[in-house]
């Protein structure tokens, strides 16, 4: 995936992430992976973001949503 943050955010929104979630995933991907342009970077960012969710059931649900991005890009 290439493009501007707006394009990446739009792609995340089309995969059922809220604007806030998408922005946070992009931010965490940059922090953890050095960028937010590949699906792998976004998934890693989303997984890092999930670590901040205090309740295990909500964290697992979010991680599952993020992991679906891998199949969406295939």
PDB file of N, CA and C in Angstrom:
ATOM      1  N   UNK A   1       0.856  -1.172   0.000  1.00  0.00           N
ATOM      2  CA  UNK A   1       0.000   0.000   0.000  1.00  0.00           C
ATOM      3  C   UNK A   1       0.897   1.228   0.000  1.00  0.00           C
ATOM      4  N   UNK A   2       0.568   2.145  -0.847  1.00  0.00           N
ATOM      5  CA  UNK A   2       1.303   3.404  -0.874  1.00  0.00           C
ATOM      6  C   UNK A   2       0.293   4.533  -0.813  1.00  0.00           C
ATOM      7  N   UNK A   3       0.766   5.713  -0.619  1.00  0.00           N
ATOM      8  CA  UNK A   3      -0.130   6.854  -0.634  1.00  0.00           C
ATOM      9  C   UNK A   3       0.000   7.709   0.601  1.00  0.00           C
ATOM     10  N   UNK A   4      -0.897   8.637   0.687  1.00  0.00           N
ATOM     11  CA  UNK A   4      -0.917   9.578   1.793  1.00  0.00           C
ATOM     12  C   UNK A   4      -1.650   8.964   2.974  1.00  0.00           C
ATOM     13  N   UNK A   5      -1.476   9.595   4.128  1.00  0.00           N
ATOM     14  CA  UNK A   5      -2.177   9.129   5.323  1.00  0.00           C
ATOM     15  C   UNK A   5      -3.685   9.080   5.094  1.00  0.00           C
ATOM     16  N   UNK A   6      -4.211  10.046   4.349  1.00  0.00           N
ATOM     17  CA  UNK A   6      -5.648  10.078   4.088  1.00  0.00           C
ATOM     18  C   UNK A   6      -6.093   8.827   3.326  1.00  0.00           C
ATOM     19  N   UNK A   7      -5.246   8.374   2.381  1.00  0.00           N
ATOM     20  CA  UNK A   7      -5.557   7.167   1.620  1.00  0.00           C
ATOM     21  C   UNK A   7      -5.517   5.931   2.511  1.00  0.00           C
ATOM     22  N   UNK A   8      -4.515   5.881   3.374  1.00  0.00           N
ATOM     23  CA  UNK A   8      -4.383   4.753   4.293  1.00  0.00           C
ATOM     24  C   UNK A   8      -5.567   4.741   5.248  1.00  0.00           C
ATOM     25  N   UNK A   9      -5.916   5.906   5.768  1.00  0.00           N
ATOM     26  CA  UNK A   9      -7.053   6.010   6.681  1.00  0.00           C
ATOM     27  C   UNK A   9      -8.344   5.596   5.984  1.00  0.00           C
ATOM     28  N   UNK A  10      -8.521   6.019   4.765  1.00  0.00           N
ATOM     29  CA  UNK A  10      -9.699   5.634   3.998  1.00  0.00           C
ATOM     30  C   UNK A  10      -9.757   4.118   3.812  1.00  0.00           C
ATOM     31  N   UNK A  11      -8.610   3.511   3.534  1.00  0.00           N
ATOM     32  CA  UNK A  11      -8.552   2.058   3.369  1.00  0.00           C
ATOM     33  C   UNK A  11      -8.918   1.362   4.679  1.00  0.00           C
ATOM     34  N   UNK A  12      -8.386   1.848   5.790  1.00  0.00           N
ATOM     35  CA  UNK A  12      -8.733   1.269   7.092  1.00  0.00           C
ATOM     36  C   UNK A  12     -10.217   1.447   7.394  1.00  0.00           C
ATOM     37  N   UNK A  13     -10.765   2.605   7.068  1.00  0.00           N
ATOM     38  CA  UNK A  13     -12.188   2.855   7.302  1.00  0.00           C
ATOM     39  C   UNK A  13     -13.037   1.905   6.468  1.00  0.00           C
ATOM     40  N   UNK A  14     -12.573   1.579   5.256  1.00  0.00           N
ATOM     41  CA  UNK A  14     -13.329   0.647   4.412  1.00  0.00           C
ATOM     42  C   UNK A  14     -13.278  -0.776   4.953  1.00  0.00           C
ATOM     43  N   UNK A  15     -12.403  -0.991   5.933  1.00  0.00           N
ATOM     44  CA  UNK A  15     -12.306  -2.299   6.573  1.00  0.00           C
ATOM     45  C   UNK A  15     -12.826  -2.236   8.011  1.00  0.00           C
ATOM     46  N   UNK A  16     -13.793  -1.361   8.219  1.00  0.00           N
ATOM     47  CA  UNK A  16     -14.572  -1.288   9.456  1.00  0.00           C
ATOM     48  C   UNK A  16     -13.837  -0.760  10.685  1.00  0.00           C
ATOM     49  N   UNK A  17     -12.828   0.071  10.476  1.00  0.00           N
ATOM     50  CA  UNK A  17     -12.196   0.747  11.596  1.00  0.00           C
ATOM     51  C   UNK A  17     -12.728   2.174  11.639  1.00  0.00           C
ATOM     52  N   UNK A  18     -12.917   2.680  12.848  1.00  0.00           N
ATOM     53  CA  UNK A  18     -13.368   4.060  12.987  1.00  0.00           C
ATOM     54  C   UNK A  18     -12.227   5.000  12.611  1.00  0.00           C
ATOM     55  N   UNK A  19     -12.550   6.253  12.438  1.00  0.00           N
ATOM     56  CA  UNK A  19     -11.525   7.244  12.118  1.00  0.00           C
ATOM     57  C   UNK A  19     -10.487   7.296  13.239  1.00  0.00           C
ATOM     58  N   UNK A  20     -10.944   7.312  14.462  1.00  0.00           N
ATOM     59  CA  UNK A  20     -10.034   7.364  15.611  1.00  0.00           C
ATOM     60  C   UNK A  20      -9.144   6.123  15.655  1.00  0.00           C
ATOM     61  N   UNK A  21      -9.731   4.944  15.454  1.00  0.00           N
ATOM     62  CA  UNK A  21      -8.933   3.716  15.444  1.00  0.00           C
ATOM     63  C   UNK A  21      -7.897   3.754  14.322  1.00  0.00           C
ATOM     64  N   UNK A  22      -8.330   4.174  13.144  1.00  0.00           N
ATOM     65  CA  UNK A  22      -7.426   4.249  12.005  1.00  0.00           C
ATOM     66  C   UNK A  22      -6.263   5.186  12.249  1.00  0.00           C
ATOM     67  N   UNK A  23      -6.564   6.355  12.791  1.00  0.00           N
ATOM     68  CA  UNK A  23      -5.508   7.318  13.087  1.00  0.00           C
ATOM     69  C   UNK A  23      -4.533   6.754  14.114  1.00  0.00           C
ATOM     70  N   UNK A  24      -5.058   6.049  15.107  1.00  0.00           N
ATOM     71  CA  UNK A  24      -4.204   5.458  16.137  1.00  0.00           C
ATOM     72  C   UNK A  24      -3.356   4.328  15.569  1.00  0.00           C
ATOM     73  N   UNK A  25      -3.932   3.531  14.681  1.00  0.00           N
ATOM     74  CA  UNK A  25      -3.167   2.456  14.042  1.00  0.00           C
ATOM     75  C   UNK A  25      -2.024   3.041  13.228  1.00  0.00           C
ATOM     76  N   UNK A  26      -2.299   4.081  12.462  1.00  0.00           N
ATOM     77  CA  UNK A  26      -1.267   4.727  11.660  1.00  0.00           C
ATOM     78  C   UNK A  26      -0.162   5.275  12.564  1.00  0.00           C
ATOM     79  N   UNK A  27      -0.549   5.925  13.636  1.00  0.00           N
ATOM     80  CA  UNK A  27       0.424   6.494  14.568  1.00  0.00           C
ATOM     81  C   UNK A  27       1.294   5.407  15.197  1.00  0.00           C
ATOM     82  N   UNK A  28       0.671   4.314  15.623  1.00  0.00           N
ATOM     83  CA  UNK A  28       1.424   3.226  16.242  1.00  0.00           C
ATOM     84  C   UNK A  28       2.307   2.511  15.218  1.00  0.00           C
ATOM     85  N   UNK A  29       1.844   2.393  13.996  1.00  0.00           N
ATOM     86  CA  UNK A  29       2.657   1.765  12.951  1.00  0.00           C
ATOM     87  C   UNK A  29       3.927   2.580  12.721  1.00  0.00           C
ATOM     88  N   UNK A  30       3.784   3.878  12.698  1.00  0.00           N
ATOM     89  CA  UNK A  30       4.966   4.736  12.540  1.00  0.00           C
ATOM     90  C   UNK A  30       5.929   4.553  13.708  1.00  0.00           C
ATOM     91  N   UNK A  31       5.360   4.508  14.899  1.00  0.00           N
ATOM     92  CA  UNK A  31       6.178   4.379  16.104  1.00  0.00           C
ATOM     93  C   UNK A  31       6.873   3.021  16.180  1.00  0.00           C
ATOM     94  N   UNK A  32       6.135   1.970  15.890  1.00  0.00           N
ATOM     95  CA  UNK A  32       6.659   0.609  16.030  1.00  0.00           C
ATOM     96  C   UNK A  32       7.443   0.133  14.815  1.00  0.00           C
ATOM     97  N   UNK A  33       7.013   0.527  13.631  1.00  0.00           N
ATOM     98  CA  UNK A  33       7.568  -0.022  12.397  1.00  0.00           C
ATOM     99  C   UNK A  33       8.300   0.998  11.533  1.00  0.00           C
ATOM    100  N   UNK A  34       8.224   2.262  11.903  1.00  0.00           N
ATOM    101  CA  UNK A  34       8.905   3.287  11.136  1.00  0.00           C
ATOM    102  C   UNK A  34       8.119   3.786   9.933  1.00  0.00           C
ATOM    103  N   UNK A  35       6.915   3.309   9.771  1.00  0.00           N
ATOM    104  CA  UNK A  35       6.085   3.738   8.657  1.00  0.00           C
ATOM    105  C   UNK A  35       4.704   3.128   8.745  1.00  0.00           C
ATOM    106  N   UNK A  36       3.816   3.643   7.909  1.00  0.00           N
ATOM    107  CA  UNK A  36       2.435   3.151   7.897  1.00  0.00           C
ATOM    108  C   UNK A  36       1.961   3.041   6.454  1.00  0.00           C
ATOM    109  N   UNK A  37       2.746   2.370   5.633  1.00  0.00           N
ATOM    110  CA  UNK A  37       2.406   2.280   4.216  1.00  0.00           C
ATOM    111  C   UNK A  37       2.157   0.859   3.733  1.00  0.00           C
ATOM    112  N   UNK A  38       2.565  -0.137   4.520  1.00  0.00           N
ATOM    113  CA  UNK A  38       2.306  -1.516   4.119  1.00  0.00           C
ATOM    114  C   UNK A  38       1.278  -2.127   5.051  1.00  0.00           C
ATOM    115  N   UNK A  39       0.629  -3.152   4.576  1.00  0.00           N
ATOM    116  CA  UNK A  39      -0.353  -3.844   5.416  1.00  0.00           C
ATOM    117  C   UNK A  39       0.345  -4.412   6.653  1.00  0.00           C
ATOM    118  N   UNK A  40       1.536  -4.942   6.458  1.00  0.00           N
ATOM    119  CA  UNK A  40       2.279  -5.509   7.590  1.00  0.00           C
ATOM    120  C   UNK A  40       2.527  -4.438   8.657  1.00  0.00           C
ATOM    121  N   UNK A  41       2.949  -3.254   8.253  1.00  0.00           N
ATOM    122  CA  UNK A  41       3.179  -2.177   9.213  1.00  0.00           C
ATOM    123  C   UNK A  41       1.893  -1.812   9.942  1.00  0.00           C
ATOM    124  N   UNK A  42       0.790  -1.780   9.220  1.00  0.00           N
ATOM    125  CA  UNK A  42      -0.493  -1.441   9.843  1.00  0.00           C
ATOM    126  C   UNK A  42      -0.935  -2.510  10.832  1.00  0.00           C
ATOM    127  N   UNK A  43      -0.742  -3.763  10.474  1.00  0.00           N
ATOM    128  CA  UNK A  43      -1.109  -4.853  11.390  1.00  0.00           C
ATOM    129  C   UNK A  43      -0.233  -4.797  12.638  1.00  0.00           C
ATOM    130  N   UNK A  44       1.045  -4.550  12.454  1.00  0.00           N
ATOM    131  CA  UNK A  44       1.935  -4.431  13.612  1.00  0.00           C
ATOM    132  C   UNK A  44       1.530  -3.242  14.483  1.00  0.00           C
ATOM    133  N   UNK A  45       1.175  -2.135  13.850  1.00  0.00           N
ATOM    134  CA  UNK A  45       0.704  -0.976  14.599  1.00  0.00           C
ATOM    135  C   UNK A  45      -0.582  -1.261  15.348  1.00  0.00           C
ATOM    136  N   UNK A  46      -1.488  -1.977  14.697  1.00  0.00           N
ATOM    137  CA  UNK A  46      -2.745  -2.348  15.350  1.00  0.00           C
ATOM    138  C   UNK A  46      -2.536  -3.289  16.516  1.00  0.00           C
ATOM    139  N   UNK A  47      -1.605  -4.211  16.370  1.00  0.00           N
ATOM    140  CA  UNK A  47      -1.292  -5.133  17.463  1.00  0.00           C
ATOM    141  C   UNK A  47      -0.691  -4.374  18.637  1.00  0.00           C
ATOM    142  N   UNK A  48       0.189  -3.416  18.334  1.00  0.00           N
ATOM    143  CA  UNK A  48       0.771  -2.581  19.393  1.00  0.00           C
ATOM    144  C   UNK A  48      -0.316  -1.764  20.087  1.00  0.00           C
ATOM    145  N   UNK A  49      -1.236  -1.254  19.318  1.00  0.00           N
ATOM    146  CA  UNK A  49      -2.348  -0.492  19.886  1.00  0.00           C
ATOM    147  C   UNK A  49      -3.204  -1.376  20.790  1.00  0.00           C
ATOM    148  N   UNK A  50      -3.410  -2.610  20.393  1.00  0.00           N
ATOM    149  CA  UNK A  50      -4.224  -3.538  21.184  1.00  0.00           C
ATOM    150  C   UNK A  50      -3.620  -3.775  22.566  1.00  0.00           C
ATOM    151  N   UNK A  51      -2.315  -3.713  22.676  1.00  0.00           N
ATOM    152  CA  UNK A  51      -1.672  -3.924  23.975  1.00  0.00           C
ATOM    153  C   UNK A  51      -2.087  -2.876  24.993  1.00  0.00           C
ATOM    154  N   UNK A  52      -2.610  -1.754  24.526  1.00  0.00           N
ATOM    155  CA  UNK A  52      -3.052  -0.690  25.436  1.00  0.00           C
ATOM    156  C   UNK A  52      -4.495  -0.882  25.906  1.00  0.00           C
ATOM    157  N   UNK A  53      -5.191  -1.861  25.349  1.00  0.00           N
ATOM    158  CA  UNK A  53      -6.579  -2.116  25.733  1.00  0.00           C
ATOM    159  C   UNK A  53      -6.564  -2.946  27.013  1.00  0.00           C
ATOM    160  N   UNK A  54      -7.151  -2.431  28.098  1.00  0.00           N
ATOM    161  CA  UNK A  54      -7.015  -3.089  29.404  1.00  0.00           C
ATOM    162  C   UNK A  54      -7.783  -4.411  29.558  1.00  0.00           C
ATOM    163  N   UNK A  55      -8.888  -4.573  28.875  1.00  0.00           N
ATOM    164  CA  UNK A  55      -9.705  -5.783  29.061  1.00  0.00           C
ATOM    165  C   UNK A  55      -9.386  -6.802  27.975  1.00  0.00           C
ATOM    166  N   UNK A  56      -9.088  -8.008  28.414  1.00  0.00           N
ATOM    167  CA  UNK A  56      -8.622  -9.053  27.498  1.00  0.00           C
ATOM    168  C   UNK A  56      -9.610  -9.345  26.374  1.00  0.00           C
ATOM    169  N   UNK A  57     -10.902  -9.407  26.682  1.00  0.00           N
ATOM    170  CA  UNK A  57     -11.874  -9.734  25.638  1.00  0.00           C
ATOM    171  C   UNK A  57     -11.933  -8.657  24.566  1.00  0.00           C
ATOM    172  N   UNK A  58     -11.851  -7.385  24.967  1.00  0.00           N
ATOM    173  CA  UNK A  58     -11.835  -6.285  23.995  1.00  0.00           C
ATOM    174  C   UNK A  58     -10.533  -6.281  23.196  1.00  0.00           C
ATOM    175  N   UNK A  59      -9.436  -6.605  23.871  1.00  0.00           N
ATOM    176  CA  UNK A  59      -8.129  -6.651  23.203  1.00  0.00           C
ATOM    177  C   UNK A  59      -8.101  -7.744  22.132  1.00  0.00           C
ATOM    178  N   UNK A  60      -8.593  -8.922  22.470  1.00  0.00           N
ATOM    179  CA  UNK A  60      -8.609 -10.032  21.517  1.00  0.00           C
ATOM    180  C   UNK A  60      -9.517  -9.719  20.330  1.00  0.00           C
ATOM    181  N   UNK A  61     -10.659  -9.122  20.600  1.00  0.00           N
ATOM    182  CA  UNK A  61     -11.574  -8.742  19.526  1.00  0.00           C
ATOM    183  C   UNK A  61     -10.894  -7.753  18.571  1.00  0.00           C
ATOM    184  N   UNK A  62     -10.206  -6.771  19.123  1.00  0.00           N
ATOM    185  CA  UNK A  62      -9.519  -5.788  18.291  1.00  0.00           C
ATOM    186  C   UNK A  62      -8.392  -6.454  17.496  1.00  0.00           C
ATOM    187  N   UNK A  63      -7.621  -7.326  18.149  1.00  0.00           N
ATOM    188  CA  UNK A  63      -6.536  -8.028  17.456  1.00  0.00           C
ATOM    189  C   UNK A  63      -7.067  -8.877  16.300  1.00  0.00           C
ATOM    190  N   UNK A  64      -8.207  -9.503  16.476  1.00  0.00           N
ATOM    191  CA  UNK A  64      -8.812 -10.282  15.387  1.00  0.00           C
ATOM    192  C   UNK A  64      -9.198  -9.389  14.221  1.00  0.00           C
ATOM    193  N   UNK A  65      -9.780  -8.238  14.526  1.00  0.00           N
ATOM    194  CA  UNK A  65     -10.138  -7.288  13.466  1.00  0.00           C
ATOM    195  C   UNK A  65      -8.897  -6.847  12.702  1.00  0.00           C
ATOM    196  N   UNK A  66      -7.841  -6.551  13.430  1.00  0.00           N
ATOM    197  CA  UNK A  66      -6.598  -6.113  12.800  1.00  0.00           C
ATOM    198  C   UNK A  66      -6.005  -7.227  11.955  1.00  0.00           C
ATOM    199  N   UNK A  67      -6.034  -8.446  12.446  1.00  0.00           N
ATOM    200  CA  UNK A  67      -5.434  -9.561  11.709  1.00  0.00           C
ATOM    201  C   UNK A  67      -6.163  -9.822  10.391  1.00  0.00           C
ATOM    202  N   UNK A  68      -7.429  -9.465  10.312  1.00  0.00           N
ATOM    203  CA  UNK A  68      -8.181  -9.649   9.052  1.00  0.00           C
ATOM    204  C   UNK A  68      -7.637  -8.771   7.921  1.00  0.00           C
ATOM    205  N   UNK A  69      -6.896  -7.740   8.263  1.00  0.00           N
ATOM    206  CA  UNK A  69      -6.300  -6.890   7.240  1.00  0.00           C
ATOM    207  C   UNK A  69      -5.326  -7.685   6.366  1.00  0.00           C
ATOM    208  N   UNK A  70      -4.692  -8.687   6.939  1.00  0.00           N
ATOM    209  CA  UNK A  70      -3.753  -9.507   6.173  1.00  0.00           C
ATOM    210  C   UNK A  70      -4.453 -10.239   5.038  1.00  0.00           C
ATOM    211  N   UNK A  71      -5.642 -10.757   5.289  1.00  0.00           N
ATOM    212  CA  UNK A  71      -6.377 -11.466   4.236  1.00  0.00           C
ATOM    213  C   UNK A  71      -7.063 -10.490   3.289  1.00  0.00           C
ATOM    214  N   UNK A  72      -7.378  -9.294   3.790  1.00  0.00           N
ATOM    215  CA  UNK A  72      -8.037  -8.303   2.929  1.00  0.00           C
ATOM    216  C   UNK A  72      -7.090  -7.814   1.837  1.00  0.00           C
ATOM    217  N   UNK A  73      -5.810  -7.828   2.127  1.00  0.00           N
ATOM    218  CA  UNK A  73      -4.835  -7.330   1.155  1.00  0.00           C
ATOM    219  C   UNK A  73      -4.432  -8.388   0.135  1.00  0.00           C
ATOM    220  N   UNK A  74      -4.775  -9.633   0.412  1.00  0.00           N
ATOM    221  CA  UNK A  74      -4.357 -10.723  -0.494  1.00  0.00           C
ATOM    222  C   UNK A  74      -5.156 -10.747  -1.772  1.00  0.00           C
TER     223      UNK A  74
END
